[in-house]
Amino acid sequence: MRRKILCSLIIILVIVNFSEAAAQNPKVKNIVELFTRVNPKLSAKTAQNYADIIIQAGEKFKIEPYVIAAIIVHESTVNNKAVSKGGDYGLMQVRYKVHEKAIKQRFPKVKKASDMFDAKTNIFFGCEIFSECYAKTKNVYDALKRYSAGNKKMADKTIATIKELQDKDKDNKNKTATSDNKNVKTKTRKGK
């Protein structure tokens, strides 16, 4: 009995530590803030889950997480149940009919279009499509246009959101540096 309790406590501590580490990642924090602002119905926990998946997909496909987050904002307004008139599904608006064969090869659990509502499947496959677009263009802006079927307005909005997130990172780094400098000065004065 004690062993079960101890194992349960260890598992809880690992989960809490992982969640705290993810929350401390400024990119995750900025993405969560963006998502909950864009879609006020989205819980912070769900936004955190999406941000964690974005970080994983970004690492796998070598895509800046802010690019992925911005695509999600402008493709689906962070609604994992979004469906376009053209048959685009989920957060990254993956066109199921066009990519059905490739999706089923990479994600055997996907049997029908509505399975693309699964956030991880959708984000990972959307990132795979975007990375192919980028490989052909070697340029984020042109890759965004290609990803959105030539929609220049969508690419412009997405670039603006990426820049907003990057500027937020710079502001946070500057605030941290200023705060660190104040702490150093305070310590020096006390040490004299």
N, C-alpha and C. Protein backbone atom coordinates (compact mmCIF):
# COMPACT_ATOMS: atom_id res chain seq x y z
N MET A 1 0.83 -1.19 0.00
CA MET A 1 0.00 0.00 0.00
C MET A 1 0.88 1.26 0.00
N ARG A 2 1.90 1.27 0.88
CA ARG A 2 2.79 2.43 0.95
C ARG A 2 3.54 2.62 -0.37
N ARG A 3 3.89 1.51 -0.98
CA ARG A 3 4.60 1.56 -2.25
C ARG A 3 3.73 2.23 -3.33
N LYS A 4 2.43 1.90 -3.36
CA LYS A 4 1.51 2.51 -4.31
C LYS A 4 1.37 4.00 -4.06
N ILE A 5 1.28 4.38 -2.81
CA ILE A 5 1.16 5.79 -2.46
C ILE A 5 2.42 6.54 -2.87
N LEU A 6 3.59 5.94 -2.58
CA LEU A 6 4.86 6.55 -2.94
C LEU A 6 4.97 6.70 -4.46
N CYS A 7 4.60 5.68 -5.21
CA CYS A 7 4.65 5.75 -6.67
C CYS A 7 3.71 6.84 -7.19
N SER A 8 2.53 6.92 -6.59
CA SER A 8 1.57 7.95 -6.99
C SER A 8 2.12 9.35 -6.73
N LEU A 9 2.75 9.53 -5.59
CA LEU A 9 3.34 10.83 -5.26
C LEU A 9 4.47 11.20 -6.22
N ILE A 10 5.27 10.23 -6.57
CA ILE A 10 6.37 10.47 -7.51
C ILE A 10 5.82 10.89 -8.86
N ILE A 11 4.80 10.19 -9.31
CA ILE A 11 4.19 10.53 -10.60
C ILE A 11 3.62 11.94 -10.57
N ILE A 12 2.95 12.30 -9.50
CA ILE A 12 2.39 13.65 -9.36
C ILE A 12 3.50 14.69 -9.38
N LEU A 13 4.59 14.44 -8.67
CA LEU A 13 5.71 15.38 -8.65
C LEU A 13 6.33 15.56 -10.04
N VAL A 14 6.46 14.47 -10.77
CA VAL A 14 7.01 14.55 -12.12
C VAL A 14 6.10 15.38 -13.01
N ILE A 15 4.79 15.15 -12.93
CA ILE A 15 3.84 15.92 -13.74
C ILE A 15 3.89 17.40 -13.37
N VAL A 16 3.90 17.70 -12.08
CA VAL A 16 3.94 19.09 -11.63
C VAL A 16 5.23 19.76 -12.09
N ASN A 17 6.37 19.07 -11.94
CA ASN A 17 7.65 19.64 -12.37
C ASN A 17 7.68 19.87 -13.87
N PHE A 18 7.13 18.93 -14.66
CA PHE A 18 7.08 19.09 -16.10
C PHE A 18 6.21 20.28 -16.47
N SER A 19 5.05 20.42 -15.83
CA SER A 19 4.15 21.54 -16.10
C SER A 19 4.80 22.87 -15.73
N GLU A 20 5.50 22.91 -14.60
CA GLU A 20 6.18 24.14 -14.19
C GLU A 20 7.29 24.49 -15.17
N ALA A 21 8.04 23.50 -15.64
CA ALA A 21 9.12 23.75 -16.59
C ALA A 21 8.54 24.29 -17.90
N ALA A 22 7.44 23.70 -18.35
CA ALA A 22 6.81 24.17 -19.58
C ALA A 22 6.28 25.59 -19.40
N ALA A 23 5.70 25.86 -18.23
CA ALA A 23 5.15 27.19 -17.97
C ALA A 23 6.26 28.24 -17.91
N GLN A 24 7.47 27.84 -17.52
CA GLN A 24 8.57 28.77 -17.43
C GLN A 24 9.17 29.10 -18.80
N ASN A 25 8.88 28.29 -19.80
CA ASN A 25 9.36 28.55 -21.15
C ASN A 25 8.62 29.78 -21.67
N PRO A 26 9.34 30.87 -21.95
CA PRO A 26 8.65 32.10 -22.37
C PRO A 26 7.85 31.93 -23.66
N LYS A 27 8.31 31.07 -24.57
CA LYS A 27 7.56 30.85 -25.80
C LYS A 27 6.21 30.21 -25.49
N VAL A 28 6.22 29.23 -24.61
CA VAL A 28 4.97 28.57 -24.22
C VAL A 28 4.03 29.59 -23.58
N LYS A 29 4.56 30.38 -22.67
CA LYS A 29 3.75 31.40 -21.99
C LYS A 29 3.14 32.37 -22.99
N ASN A 30 3.94 32.86 -23.93
CA ASN A 30 3.45 33.80 -24.93
C ASN A 30 2.39 33.17 -25.84
N ILE A 31 2.59 31.90 -26.20
CA ILE A 31 1.62 31.20 -27.05
C ILE A 31 0.31 31.01 -26.30
N VAL A 32 0.39 30.60 -25.04
CA VAL A 32 -0.83 30.42 -24.23
C VAL A 32 -1.59 31.74 -24.12
N GLU A 33 -0.88 32.82 -23.84
CA GLU A 33 -1.52 34.14 -23.75
C GLU A 33 -2.20 34.53 -25.07
N LEU A 34 -1.50 34.30 -26.18
CA LEU A 34 -2.06 34.61 -27.49
C LEU A 34 -3.31 33.78 -27.76
N PHE A 35 -3.22 32.48 -27.54
CA PHE A 35 -4.35 31.59 -27.83
C PHE A 35 -5.58 31.94 -27.00
N THR A 36 -5.38 32.20 -25.71
CA THR A 36 -6.54 32.51 -24.86
C THR A 36 -7.11 33.90 -25.16
N ARG A 37 -6.30 34.79 -25.71
CA ARG A 37 -6.80 36.10 -26.13
C ARG A 37 -7.61 35.97 -27.42
N VAL A 38 -7.09 35.19 -28.37
CA VAL A 38 -7.75 35.02 -29.67
C VAL A 38 -9.04 34.21 -29.53
N ASN A 39 -9.01 33.19 -28.68
CA ASN A 39 -10.19 32.34 -28.46
C ASN A 39 -10.50 32.33 -26.96
N PRO A 40 -11.29 33.30 -26.49
CA PRO A 40 -11.59 33.40 -25.05
C PRO A 40 -12.30 32.17 -24.46
N LYS A 41 -12.89 31.34 -25.31
CA LYS A 41 -13.56 30.12 -24.82
C LYS A 41 -12.55 29.01 -24.50
N LEU A 42 -11.33 29.18 -24.96
CA LEU A 42 -10.28 28.18 -24.77
C LEU A 42 -9.75 28.26 -23.34
N SER A 43 -9.70 27.12 -22.66
CA SER A 43 -9.16 27.11 -21.30
C SER A 43 -7.63 27.24 -21.35
N ALA A 44 -7.06 27.75 -20.28
CA ALA A 44 -5.60 27.89 -20.20
C ALA A 44 -4.94 26.51 -20.29
N LYS A 45 -5.59 25.51 -19.72
CA LYS A 45 -5.05 24.15 -19.75
C LYS A 45 -4.98 23.62 -21.19
N THR A 46 -6.03 23.85 -21.97
CA THR A 46 -6.04 23.40 -23.36
C THR A 46 -5.01 24.19 -24.17
N ALA A 47 -4.94 25.49 -23.93
CA ALA A 47 -3.94 26.32 -24.62
C ALA A 47 -2.53 25.84 -24.29
N GLN A 48 -2.30 25.47 -23.04
CA GLN A 48 -1.00 24.93 -22.61
C GLN A 48 -0.70 23.63 -23.35
N ASN A 49 -1.70 22.77 -23.48
CA ASN A 49 -1.53 21.51 -24.20
C ASN A 49 -1.15 21.78 -25.64
N TYR A 50 -1.84 22.71 -26.31
CA TYR A 50 -1.52 23.05 -27.69
C TYR A 50 -0.10 23.60 -27.79
N ALA A 51 0.27 24.46 -26.86
CA ALA A 51 1.61 25.05 -26.87
C ALA A 51 2.68 23.97 -26.71
N ASP A 52 2.44 23.01 -25.82
CA ASP A 52 3.39 21.91 -25.63
C ASP A 52 3.56 21.10 -26.91
N ILE A 53 2.44 20.83 -27.59
CA ILE A 53 2.48 20.09 -28.86
C ILE A 53 3.25 20.90 -29.90
N ILE A 54 3.02 22.20 -29.94
CA ILE A 54 3.71 23.08 -30.89
C ILE A 54 5.22 23.03 -30.66
N ILE A 55 5.65 23.05 -29.41
CA ILE A 55 7.09 22.98 -29.11
C ILE A 55 7.65 21.66 -29.64
N GLN A 56 6.95 20.56 -29.39
CA GLN A 56 7.41 19.24 -29.87
C GLN A 56 7.48 19.21 -31.40
N ALA A 57 6.42 19.69 -32.05
CA ALA A 57 6.38 19.67 -33.52
C ALA A 57 7.45 20.60 -34.09
N GLY A 58 7.65 21.74 -33.45
CA GLY A 58 8.69 22.67 -33.90
C GLY A 58 10.07 22.04 -33.87
N GLU A 59 10.34 21.29 -32.80
CA GLU A 59 11.62 20.60 -32.69
C GLU A 59 11.76 19.54 -33.78
N LYS A 60 10.69 18.77 -33.98
CA LYS A 60 10.75 17.69 -34.96
C LYS A 60 10.94 18.20 -36.38
N PHE A 61 10.19 19.24 -36.74
CA PHE A 61 10.22 19.73 -38.12
C PHE A 61 11.11 20.95 -38.33
N LYS A 62 11.81 21.37 -37.27
CA LYS A 62 12.71 22.53 -37.34
C LYS A 62 11.96 23.79 -37.78
N ILE A 63 10.80 24.01 -37.13
CA ILE A 63 9.98 25.19 -37.40
C ILE A 63 9.90 26.00 -36.11
N GLU A 64 10.12 27.30 -36.22
CA GLU A 64 9.98 28.21 -35.08
C GLU A 64 8.56 28.06 -34.52
N PRO A 65 8.42 27.78 -33.21
CA PRO A 65 7.10 27.59 -32.61
C PRO A 65 6.14 28.76 -32.85
N TYR A 66 6.67 29.98 -32.92
CA TYR A 66 5.79 31.14 -33.16
C TYR A 66 5.17 31.08 -34.56
N VAL A 67 5.86 30.49 -35.51
CA VAL A 67 5.29 30.34 -36.86
C VAL A 67 4.09 29.40 -36.79
N ILE A 68 4.25 28.30 -36.09
CA ILE A 68 3.16 27.32 -35.95
C ILE A 68 1.97 27.96 -35.23
N ALA A 69 2.24 28.64 -34.12
CA ALA A 69 1.17 29.28 -33.36
C ALA A 69 0.43 30.31 -34.21
N ALA A 70 1.17 31.10 -34.98
CA ALA A 70 0.54 32.12 -35.82
C ALA A 70 -0.32 31.49 -36.92
N ILE A 71 0.15 30.38 -37.48
CA ILE A 71 -0.65 29.67 -38.49
C ILE A 71 -1.97 29.23 -37.86
N ILE A 72 -1.90 28.66 -36.67
CA ILE A 72 -3.10 28.19 -35.98
C ILE A 72 -4.07 29.34 -35.72
N VAL A 73 -3.54 30.48 -35.29
CA VAL A 73 -4.39 31.64 -35.01
C VAL A 73 -5.15 32.06 -36.27
N HIS A 74 -4.46 32.12 -37.40
CA HIS A 74 -5.09 32.66 -38.61
C HIS A 74 -5.80 31.61 -39.46
N GLU A 75 -5.51 30.36 -39.24
CA GLU A 75 -6.22 29.32 -39.98
C GLU A 75 -7.53 28.91 -39.29
N SER A 76 -7.50 28.79 -37.97
CA SER A 76 -8.67 28.24 -37.27
C SER A 76 -9.16 29.08 -36.10
N THR A 77 -8.54 30.18 -35.82
CA THR A 77 -8.83 30.99 -34.63
C THR A 77 -8.73 30.11 -33.37
N VAL A 78 -7.78 29.21 -33.38
CA VAL A 78 -7.48 28.28 -32.28
C VAL A 78 -8.72 27.46 -31.90
N ASN A 79 -9.41 26.97 -32.93
CA ASN A 79 -10.59 26.11 -32.74
C ASN A 79 -10.28 24.76 -33.35
N ASN A 80 -10.06 23.76 -32.51
CA ASN A 80 -9.67 22.45 -33.03
C ASN A 80 -10.81 21.74 -33.78
N LYS A 81 -12.02 22.24 -33.68
CA LYS A 81 -13.16 21.65 -34.40
C LYS A 81 -13.52 22.44 -35.66
N ALA A 82 -12.67 23.37 -36.05
CA ALA A 82 -12.94 24.19 -37.23
C ALA A 82 -12.93 23.35 -38.50
N VAL A 83 -13.90 23.62 -39.37
CA VAL A 83 -13.99 22.97 -40.68
C VAL A 83 -14.33 24.06 -41.69
N SER A 84 -13.53 24.15 -42.75
CA SER A 84 -13.80 25.15 -43.78
C SER A 84 -14.75 24.57 -44.83
N LYS A 85 -15.28 25.45 -45.67
CA LYS A 85 -16.15 25.00 -46.77
C LYS A 85 -15.40 24.09 -47.72
N GLY A 86 -14.09 24.29 -47.83
CA GLY A 86 -13.27 23.49 -48.74
C GLY A 86 -12.83 22.15 -48.16
N GLY A 87 -13.19 21.87 -46.91
CA GLY A 87 -12.83 20.60 -46.30
C GLY A 87 -11.52 20.61 -45.54
N ASP A 88 -11.15 21.77 -45.01
CA ASP A 88 -9.96 21.88 -44.17
C ASP A 88 -10.37 21.63 -42.73
N TYR A 89 -9.58 20.84 -41.99
CA TYR A 89 -9.96 20.41 -40.65
C TYR A 89 -8.97 20.83 -39.58
N GLY A 90 -9.51 21.18 -38.43
CA GLY A 90 -8.73 21.34 -37.22
C GLY A 90 -7.93 22.63 -37.11
N LEU A 91 -7.03 22.62 -36.15
CA LEU A 91 -6.25 23.81 -35.79
C LEU A 91 -5.48 24.40 -36.96
N MET A 92 -4.83 23.54 -37.73
CA MET A 92 -4.00 24.03 -38.84
C MET A 92 -4.71 23.91 -40.18
N GLN A 93 -6.00 23.59 -40.14
CA GLN A 93 -6.83 23.52 -41.34
C GLN A 93 -6.20 22.66 -42.43
N VAL A 94 -5.99 21.40 -42.09
CA VAL A 94 -5.42 20.43 -43.02
C VAL A 94 -6.53 19.95 -43.96
N ARG A 95 -6.29 20.01 -45.25
CA ARG A 95 -7.27 19.57 -46.25
C ARG A 95 -7.18 18.05 -46.35
N TYR A 96 -8.14 17.39 -45.71
CA TYR A 96 -8.12 15.94 -45.57
C TYR A 96 -8.14 15.22 -46.91
N LYS A 97 -9.02 15.61 -47.82
CA LYS A 97 -9.15 14.90 -49.10
C LYS A 97 -7.85 14.93 -49.91
N VAL A 98 -7.14 16.02 -49.85
CA VAL A 98 -5.88 16.15 -50.60
C VAL A 98 -4.78 15.29 -49.98
N HIS A 99 -4.75 15.23 -48.65
CA HIS A 99 -3.65 14.57 -47.95
C HIS A 99 -4.03 13.23 -47.31
N GLU A 100 -5.21 12.72 -47.62
CA GLU A 100 -5.73 11.52 -46.93
C GLU A 100 -4.74 10.35 -46.92
N LYS A 101 -4.17 10.03 -48.05
CA LYS A 101 -3.26 8.88 -48.14
C LYS A 101 -2.04 9.08 -47.24
N ALA A 102 -1.42 10.25 -47.32
CA ALA A 102 -0.23 10.54 -46.51
C ALA A 102 -0.58 10.56 -45.02
N ILE A 103 -1.73 11.13 -44.69
CA ILE A 103 -2.15 11.18 -43.29
C ILE A 103 -2.30 9.77 -42.73
N LYS A 104 -2.99 8.92 -43.47
CA LYS A 104 -3.23 7.54 -43.00
C LYS A 104 -1.93 6.75 -42.90
N GLN A 105 -0.94 7.05 -43.76
CA GLN A 105 0.35 6.37 -43.67
C GLN A 105 1.09 6.77 -42.40
N ARG A 106 1.07 8.05 -42.08
CA ARG A 106 1.82 8.56 -40.93
C ARG A 106 1.07 8.41 -39.61
N PHE A 107 -0.25 8.43 -39.69
CA PHE A 107 -1.10 8.34 -38.49
C PHE A 107 -2.15 7.26 -38.70
N PRO A 108 -1.78 5.99 -38.50
CA PRO A 108 -2.70 4.88 -38.77
C PRO A 108 -4.02 4.95 -37.98
N LYS A 109 -4.03 5.67 -36.87
CA LYS A 109 -5.26 5.77 -36.09
C LYS A 109 -6.30 6.66 -36.78
N VAL A 110 -5.88 7.46 -37.76
CA VAL A 110 -6.81 8.32 -38.50
C VAL A 110 -7.55 7.48 -39.53
N LYS A 111 -8.86 7.40 -39.37
CA LYS A 111 -9.70 6.60 -40.27
C LYS A 111 -10.64 7.47 -41.11
N LYS A 112 -10.95 8.68 -40.58
CA LYS A 112 -11.88 9.57 -41.28
C LYS A 112 -11.47 11.01 -41.02
N ALA A 113 -12.05 11.92 -41.78
CA ALA A 113 -11.68 13.34 -41.71
C ALA A 113 -11.80 13.91 -40.30
N SER A 114 -12.84 13.55 -39.59
CA SER A 114 -13.05 14.12 -38.25
C SER A 114 -11.96 13.71 -37.26
N ASP A 115 -11.19 12.69 -37.58
CA ASP A 115 -10.06 12.31 -36.72
C ASP A 115 -8.97 13.39 -36.73
N MET A 116 -9.05 14.29 -37.71
CA MET A 116 -8.07 15.40 -37.79
C MET A 116 -8.35 16.46 -36.74
N PHE A 117 -9.42 16.30 -35.96
CA PHE A 117 -9.68 17.23 -34.86
C PHE A 117 -8.74 16.97 -33.69
N ASP A 118 -8.07 15.82 -33.69
CA ASP A 118 -7.07 15.55 -32.65
C ASP A 118 -5.93 16.55 -32.80
N ALA A 119 -5.69 17.32 -31.75
CA ALA A 119 -4.73 18.43 -31.82
C ALA A 119 -3.34 17.97 -32.23
N LYS A 120 -2.84 16.90 -31.62
CA LYS A 120 -1.47 16.47 -31.92
C LYS A 120 -1.34 16.00 -33.37
N THR A 121 -2.29 15.21 -33.82
CA THR A 121 -2.25 14.73 -35.20
C THR A 121 -2.30 15.91 -36.16
N ASN A 122 -3.21 16.84 -35.91
CA ASN A 122 -3.40 17.98 -36.79
C ASN A 122 -2.16 18.87 -36.83
N ILE A 123 -1.63 19.19 -35.67
CA ILE A 123 -0.46 20.06 -35.62
C ILE A 123 0.75 19.39 -36.27
N PHE A 124 0.98 18.12 -35.96
CA PHE A 124 2.14 17.44 -36.54
C PHE A 124 2.02 17.33 -38.06
N PHE A 125 0.83 16.98 -38.55
CA PHE A 125 0.70 16.85 -40.00
C PHE A 125 0.73 18.22 -40.67
N GLY A 126 0.10 19.23 -40.04
CA GLY A 126 0.17 20.59 -40.57
C GLY A 126 1.61 21.07 -40.65
N CYS A 127 2.40 20.75 -39.64
CA CYS A 127 3.83 21.14 -39.65
C CYS A 127 4.59 20.40 -40.74
N GLU A 128 4.22 19.17 -40.99
CA GLU A 128 4.87 18.42 -42.07
C GLU A 128 4.58 19.12 -43.41
N ILE A 129 3.34 19.52 -43.62
CA ILE A 129 2.98 20.23 -44.86
C ILE A 129 3.76 21.55 -44.95
N PHE A 130 3.76 22.30 -43.84
CA PHE A 130 4.46 23.60 -43.87
C PHE A 130 5.95 23.41 -44.12
N SER A 131 6.56 22.38 -43.53
CA SER A 131 8.00 22.17 -43.74
C SER A 131 8.29 21.84 -45.20
N GLU A 132 7.37 21.16 -45.87
CA GLU A 132 7.52 20.88 -47.30
C GLU A 132 7.41 22.18 -48.10
N CYS A 133 6.47 23.04 -47.71
CA CYS A 133 6.33 24.35 -48.37
C CYS A 133 7.60 25.17 -48.19
N TYR A 134 8.14 25.13 -46.99
CA TYR A 134 9.37 25.90 -46.71
C TYR A 134 10.55 25.35 -47.51
N ALA A 135 10.64 24.03 -47.60
CA ALA A 135 11.75 23.41 -48.34
C ALA A 135 11.74 23.85 -49.81
N LYS A 136 10.54 24.09 -50.34
CA LYS A 136 10.44 24.51 -51.74
C LYS A 136 10.74 25.99 -51.93
N THR A 137 10.48 26.80 -50.90
CA THR A 137 10.61 28.25 -51.05
C THR A 137 11.82 28.85 -50.33
N LYS A 138 12.27 28.19 -49.25
CA LYS A 138 13.38 28.69 -48.40
C LYS A 138 13.08 30.06 -47.82
N ASN A 139 11.79 30.36 -47.63
CA ASN A 139 11.37 31.67 -47.18
C ASN A 139 10.04 31.49 -46.43
N VAL A 140 9.97 31.97 -45.19
CA VAL A 140 8.77 31.78 -44.37
C VAL A 140 7.55 32.42 -45.03
N TYR A 141 7.69 33.63 -45.52
CA TYR A 141 6.54 34.32 -46.12
C TYR A 141 5.99 33.54 -47.32
N ASP A 142 6.88 33.13 -48.22
CA ASP A 142 6.42 32.38 -49.40
C ASP A 142 5.87 31.00 -49.00
N ALA A 143 6.47 30.40 -47.98
CA ALA A 143 5.95 29.12 -47.49
C ALA A 143 4.55 29.29 -46.92
N LEU A 144 4.32 30.40 -46.22
CA LEU A 144 2.97 30.68 -45.69
C LEU A 144 1.96 30.86 -46.81
N LYS A 145 2.36 31.57 -47.86
CA LYS A 145 1.46 31.74 -49.01
C LYS A 145 1.16 30.38 -49.64
N ARG A 146 2.17 29.56 -49.80
CA ARG A 146 1.98 28.23 -50.39
C ARG A 146 1.08 27.38 -49.48
N TYR A 147 1.31 27.45 -48.17
CA TYR A 147 0.51 26.67 -47.20
C TYR A 147 -0.96 27.07 -47.28
N SER A 148 -1.22 28.37 -47.49
CA SER A 148 -2.61 28.85 -47.51
C SER A 148 -3.13 29.02 -48.94
N ALA A 149 -2.61 28.23 -49.86
CA ALA A 149 -3.07 28.21 -51.25
C ALA A 149 -2.98 29.58 -51.91
N GLY A 150 -1.87 30.29 -51.66
CA GLY A 150 -1.63 31.56 -52.30
C GLY A 150 -2.29 32.76 -51.65
N ASN A 151 -2.81 32.59 -50.45
CA ASN A 151 -3.53 33.67 -49.77
C ASN A 151 -2.53 34.66 -49.16
N LYS A 152 -2.25 35.74 -49.90
CA LYS A 152 -1.29 36.76 -49.47
C LYS A 152 -1.75 37.45 -48.19
N LYS A 153 -3.04 37.72 -48.09
CA LYS A 153 -3.59 38.39 -46.90
C LYS A 153 -3.36 37.52 -45.65
N MET A 154 -3.57 36.22 -45.78
CA MET A 154 -3.33 35.29 -44.66
C MET A 154 -1.84 35.29 -44.28
N ALA A 155 -0.99 35.26 -45.29
CA ALA A 155 0.47 35.28 -45.03
C ALA A 155 0.86 36.57 -44.33
N ASP A 156 0.33 37.71 -44.77
CA ASP A 156 0.64 39.00 -44.14
C ASP A 156 0.22 39.01 -42.67
N LYS A 157 -0.99 38.54 -42.39
CA LYS A 157 -1.49 38.51 -41.01
C LYS A 157 -0.65 37.57 -40.15
N THR A 158 -0.27 36.44 -40.71
CA THR A 158 0.53 35.46 -39.97
C THR A 158 1.90 36.03 -39.64
N ILE A 159 2.52 36.70 -40.60
CA ILE A 159 3.82 37.33 -40.36
C ILE A 159 3.70 38.38 -39.26
N ALA A 160 2.63 39.16 -39.27
CA ALA A 160 2.42 40.18 -38.24
C ALA A 160 2.30 39.55 -36.85
N THR A 161 1.63 38.41 -36.76
CA THR A 161 1.49 37.73 -35.47
C THR A 161 2.83 37.15 -35.01
N ILE A 162 3.60 36.61 -35.93
CA ILE A 162 4.93 36.09 -35.58
C ILE A 162 5.78 37.24 -35.02
N LYS A 163 5.75 38.38 -35.70
CA LYS A 163 6.52 39.53 -35.24
C LYS A 163 6.04 40.00 -33.86
N GLU A 164 4.74 39.98 -33.63
CA GLU A 164 4.18 40.37 -32.32
C GLU A 164 4.75 39.47 -31.22
N LEU A 165 4.79 38.17 -31.47
CA LEU A 165 5.31 37.23 -30.49
C LEU A 165 6.82 37.43 -30.28
N GLN A 166 7.55 37.64 -31.36
CA GLN A 166 8.99 37.87 -31.25
C GLN A 166 9.29 39.16 -30.48
N ASP A 167 8.51 40.21 -30.74
CA ASP A 167 8.68 41.47 -30.02
C ASP A 167 8.41 41.29 -28.53
N LYS A 168 7.43 40.46 -28.22
CA LYS A 168 7.11 40.17 -26.81
C LYS A 168 8.30 39.48 -26.14
N ASP A 169 8.94 38.57 -26.85
CA ASP A 169 10.15 37.91 -26.34
C ASP A 169 11.25 38.94 -26.05
N LYS A 170 11.47 39.85 -27.00
CA LYS A 170 12.50 40.88 -26.82
C LYS A 170 12.19 41.77 -25.62
N ASP A 171 10.93 42.16 -25.48
CA ASP A 171 10.51 42.99 -24.34
C ASP A 171 10.77 42.26 -23.02
N ASN A 172 10.41 40.97 -22.98
CA ASN A 172 10.61 40.18 -21.76
C ASN A 172 12.09 40.04 -21.44
N LYS A 173 12.93 39.84 -22.46
CA LYS A 173 14.38 39.72 -22.23
C LYS A 173 14.95 41.03 -21.71
N ASN A 174 14.49 42.14 -22.27
CA ASN A 174 14.96 43.45 -21.81
C ASN A 174 14.54 43.71 -20.36
N LYS A 175 13.31 43.34 -20.02
CA LYS A 175 12.83 43.51 -18.64
C LYS A 175 13.65 42.66 -17.68
N THR A 176 13.96 41.42 -18.10
CA THR A 176 14.75 40.52 -17.26
C THR A 176 16.16 41.07 -17.07
N ALA A 177 16.75 41.56 -18.15
CA ALA A 177 18.11 42.12 -18.07
C ALA A 177 18.13 43.34 -17.15
N THR A 178 17.14 44.20 -17.27
CA THR A 178 17.05 45.39 -16.41
C THR A 178 16.89 44.98 -14.97
N SER A 179 16.03 44.00 -14.73
CA SER A 179 15.79 43.50 -13.37
C SER A 179 17.06 42.88 -12.79
N ASP A 180 17.78 42.11 -13.61
CA ASP A 180 19.03 41.49 -13.16
C ASP A 180 20.07 42.56 -12.82
N ASN A 181 20.13 43.61 -13.62
CA ASN A 181 21.09 44.70 -13.36
C ASN A 181 20.77 45.40 -12.04
N LYS A 182 19.49 45.61 -11.76
CA LYS A 182 19.10 46.24 -10.50
C LYS A 182 19.50 45.36 -9.32
N ASN A 183 19.31 44.05 -9.47
CA ASN A 183 19.68 43.13 -8.39
C ASN A 183 21.18 43.13 -8.15
N VAL A 184 21.95 43.20 -9.19
CA VAL A 184 23.42 43.23 -9.06
C VAL A 184 23.83 44.49 -8.32
N LYS A 185 23.27 45.63 -8.69
CA LYS A 185 23.61 46.90 -8.03
C LYS A 185 23.22 46.87 -6.57
N THR A 186 22.06 46.34 -6.27
CA THR A 186 21.59 46.27 -4.88
C THR A 186 22.54 45.41 -4.06
N LYS A 187 22.94 44.27 -4.61
CA LYS A 187 23.84 43.37 -3.90
C LYS A 187 25.18 44.03 -3.67
N THR A 188 25.65 44.78 -4.64
CA THR A 188 26.95 45.46 -4.52
C THR A 188 26.90 46.48 -3.40
N ARG A 189 25.82 47.24 -3.36
CA ARG A 189 25.69 48.27 -2.32
C ARG A 189 25.66 47.64 -0.94
N LYS A 190 24.93 46.56 -0.80
CA LYS A 190 24.83 45.90 0.51
C LYS A 190 26.17 45.30 0.91
N GLY A 191 26.92 44.86 -0.11
CA GLY A 191 28.19 44.21 0.18
C GLY A 191 29.28 45.19 0.62
N LYS A 192 29.11 46.49 0.38
CA LYS A 192 30.15 47.49 0.72
C LYS A 192 30.18 47.79 2.18
